[in-house]
Amino acid sequence: MKLPRDLDGEELVSLLGRFGYVTSRQTGSHIRMTTTEGGEHHITIPRHSPLRVGTLSAILRDVAEHLDMDRNVLIETLFG
């Protein structure tokens, strides 16, 4: 499945909430999210509209790696 081209940072924050990520802080236009599922993990999401495809891809790769999921399964779960 292709990545969405019109996704903004706020939408990604709410989608990642399904996997136990919660907003831990925000500095300027960047949101820091943390999960303790499967060990503590932090990601930073820019609050841009829309997110660049490479940025979105890197965030999803990092999340999928932490959750021991295939990246395509994660994408299908979030956007499918």
Protein backbone atom coordinates (compact mmCIF):
# COMPACT_ATOMS: atom_id res chain seq x y z
CA MET A 1 0.00 0.00 0.00
CA LYS A 2 1.25 3.48 -0.83
CA LEU A 3 1.77 6.06 1.87
CA PRO A 4 -0.78 8.88 2.01
CA ARG A 5 0.49 12.15 0.57
CA ASP A 6 -1.85 14.45 2.52
CA LEU A 7 -1.27 13.30 6.11
CA ASP A 8 -0.33 15.95 8.65
CA GLY A 9 1.53 15.52 11.92
CA GLU A 10 -1.57 15.83 14.12
CA GLU A 11 -3.31 13.01 12.24
CA LEU A 12 -0.27 10.75 12.61
CA VAL A 13 -0.16 11.48 16.36
CA SER A 14 -3.76 10.31 16.75
CA LEU A 15 -3.19 7.22 14.58
CA LEU A 16 -0.15 6.14 16.59
CA GLY A 17 -2.26 6.32 19.75
CA ARG A 18 -3.66 2.93 18.68
CA PHE A 19 -0.25 1.42 19.41
CA GLY A 20 0.13 2.94 22.87
CA TYR A 21 2.04 6.08 21.90
CA VAL A 22 1.16 9.15 23.97
CA THR A 23 2.35 12.72 23.63
CA SER A 24 5.06 13.32 26.20
CA ARG A 25 5.95 16.89 25.21
CA GLN A 26 5.92 19.43 22.43
CA THR A 27 8.62 21.91 21.56
CA GLY A 28 7.70 24.36 18.84
CA SER A 29 6.38 22.43 15.86
CA HIS A 30 7.68 19.02 16.97
CA ILE A 31 5.73 16.52 19.06
CA ARG A 32 7.57 13.90 21.12
CA MET A 33 5.66 10.65 21.61
CA THR A 34 6.52 7.81 23.97
CA THR A 35 5.33 4.24 24.43
CA THR A 36 6.26 1.69 27.07
CA GLU A 37 4.82 -1.27 25.18
CA GLY A 38 7.66 -3.63 24.31
CA GLY A 39 10.13 -1.39 26.14
CA GLU A 40 10.35 2.38 26.21
CA HIS A 41 10.48 4.02 22.78
CA HIS A 42 10.44 7.67 21.72
CA ILE A 43 9.67 9.22 18.36
CA THR A 44 9.52 12.83 17.23
CA ILE A 45 6.83 13.90 14.80
CA PRO A 46 6.91 17.27 13.06
CA ARG A 47 3.62 19.12 13.20
CA HIS A 48 3.77 19.96 9.50
CA SER A 49 0.98 19.82 6.98
CA PRO A 50 1.47 17.67 5.02
CA LEU A 51 4.30 15.47 6.27
CA ARG A 52 6.92 14.79 3.63
CA VAL A 53 6.87 11.23 2.33
CA GLY A 54 10.45 10.50 3.40
CA THR A 55 9.77 11.80 6.91
CA LEU A 56 6.59 9.73 7.21
CA SER A 57 8.39 6.66 5.89
CA ALA A 58 11.23 7.03 8.40
CA ILE A 59 8.80 7.43 11.32
CA LEU A 60 6.80 4.36 10.28
CA ARG A 61 9.97 2.30 9.76
CA ASP A 62 11.11 3.20 13.28
CA VAL A 63 7.71 2.34 14.82
CA ALA A 64 7.44 -0.94 12.90
CA GLU A 65 10.95 -1.94 13.99
CA HIS A 66 10.13 -1.24 17.64
CA LEU A 67 6.84 -3.17 17.49
CA ASP A 68 8.46 -6.09 15.59
CA MET A 69 5.94 -5.65 12.77
CA ASP A 70 6.41 -5.68 9.04
CA ARG A 71 6.29 -2.09 7.77
CA ASN A 72 3.59 -2.96 5.23
CA VAL A 73 1.40 -4.52 7.95
CA LEU A 74 1.77 -1.34 10.02
CA ILE A 75 0.82 0.82 7.04
CA GLU A 76 -2.22 -1.36 6.30
CA THR A 77 -3.30 -1.22 9.96
CA LEU A 78 -2.98 2.57 10.14
CA PHE A 79 -4.31 3.61 6.75
CA GLY A 80 -6.14 0.57 5.37
